[in-house]
Amino acid sequence: MKKVLAASLVAGVVITLVTGFINTTPSGLLGATWYGWPFAWRIVPVVLNPVANYDIPKLVADIVVWFVVALVILIIIQKFRK
């Protein structure tokens, strides 16, 4: 079970970091580009020299969401292998 939890945590972090490259800006929003899914945790303003802002609570929430998703998938896979 420890291996499943560790693999789920790694998968949650990796998936969260990958979603940091997915543009999730709501249509009609001007001035910034949002990244991250399901929560936008990386916000890049549309200016001459953009500097990304990171919303740490949303980043942690994203990791938790993807950890739970990966954990459920790995548990289901483990049950079907037996």
Protein backbone atom coordinates (compact mmCIF):
# COMPACT_ATOMS: atom_id res chain seq x y z
CA MET A 1 0.00 0.00 0.00
CA LYS A 2 2.93 2.34 0.66
CA LYS A 3 4.06 1.94 -2.94
CA VAL A 4 0.59 2.85 -4.19
CA LEU A 5 0.49 5.97 -1.99
CA ALA A 6 3.98 7.04 -3.07
CA ALA A 7 3.18 6.45 -6.75
CA SER A 8 -0.06 8.41 -6.36
CA LEU A 9 1.77 11.33 -4.75
CA VAL A 10 4.38 11.40 -7.50
CA ALA A 11 1.66 11.17 -10.16
CA GLY A 12 -0.30 13.98 -8.47
CA VAL A 13 2.70 16.30 -8.43
CA VAL A 14 3.69 15.47 -12.04
CA ILE A 15 0.15 15.91 -13.40
CA THR A 16 -0.21 19.21 -11.52
CA LEU A 17 3.04 20.52 -12.96
CA VAL A 18 2.01 19.44 -16.47
CA THR A 19 -1.32 21.25 -16.11
CA GLY A 20 0.71 24.36 -15.32
CA PHE A 21 1.25 24.61 -19.08
CA ILE A 22 -2.45 24.32 -19.99
CA ASN A 23 -4.12 27.65 -20.65
CA THR A 24 -7.35 27.83 -18.63
CA THR A 25 -8.08 31.53 -19.00
CA PRO A 26 -11.82 32.24 -18.98
CA SER A 27 -13.06 33.76 -22.22
CA GLY A 28 -13.38 37.50 -22.03
CA LEU A 29 -10.71 37.91 -19.37
CA LEU A 30 -8.09 40.44 -20.38
CA GLY A 31 -4.83 41.29 -18.66
CA ALA A 32 -3.64 37.87 -17.54
CA THR A 33 -3.31 34.28 -18.68
CA TRP A 34 -4.26 31.53 -16.23
CA TYR A 35 -2.63 28.10 -16.13
CA GLY A 36 -3.45 24.97 -14.16
CA TRP A 37 -6.41 22.64 -14.05
CA PRO A 38 -8.83 22.21 -12.25
CA PHE A 39 -7.62 25.26 -10.31
CA ALA A 40 -5.70 28.09 -11.97
CA TRP A 41 -2.59 28.29 -9.80
CA ARG A 42 -0.19 30.04 -12.20
CA ILE A 43 -1.16 33.51 -13.42
CA VAL A 44 0.92 35.37 -15.99
CA PRO A 45 0.03 39.03 -16.65
CA VAL A 46 -0.02 40.19 -20.25
CA VAL A 47 2.62 42.93 -20.07
CA LEU A 48 5.95 43.68 -21.70
CA ASN A 49 7.98 41.72 -19.13
CA PRO A 50 5.57 39.09 -17.73
CA VAL A 51 6.37 37.57 -14.35
CA ALA A 52 4.36 34.55 -13.28
CA ASN A 53 2.48 34.67 -10.00
CA TYR A 54 1.82 31.42 -8.15
CA ASP A 55 -1.17 30.80 -5.91
CA ILE A 56 0.23 28.24 -3.45
CA PRO A 57 -3.09 27.18 -1.83
CA LYS A 58 -4.54 26.41 -5.27
CA LEU A 59 -1.35 24.57 -6.23
CA VAL A 60 -1.64 22.37 -3.14
CA ALA A 61 -5.35 21.82 -3.83
CA ASP A 62 -4.49 20.77 -7.39
CA ILE A 63 -1.90 18.29 -6.09
CA VAL A 64 -4.49 16.85 -3.68
CA VAL A 65 -7.08 16.47 -6.45
CA TRP A 66 -4.67 14.68 -8.78
CA PHE A 67 -3.31 12.57 -5.89
CA VAL A 68 -6.82 11.31 -5.15
CA VAL A 69 -7.54 10.64 -8.84
CA ALA A 70 -4.27 8.71 -9.25
CA LEU A 71 -4.87 6.81 -5.99
CA VAL A 72 -8.32 5.68 -7.08
CA ILE A 73 -7.02 4.59 -10.49
CA LEU A 74 -4.08 2.69 -9.00
CA ILE A 75 -6.31 0.94 -6.44
CA ILE A 76 -8.73 -0.10 -9.19
CA ILE A 77 -5.84 -1.41 -11.31
CA GLN A 78 -4.47 -3.29 -8.31
CA LYS A 79 -7.87 -4.91 -7.63
CA PHE A 80 -8.23 -6.09 -11.24
CA ARG A 81 -4.74 -7.62 -11.29
CA LYS A 82 -5.61 -10.02 -8.47
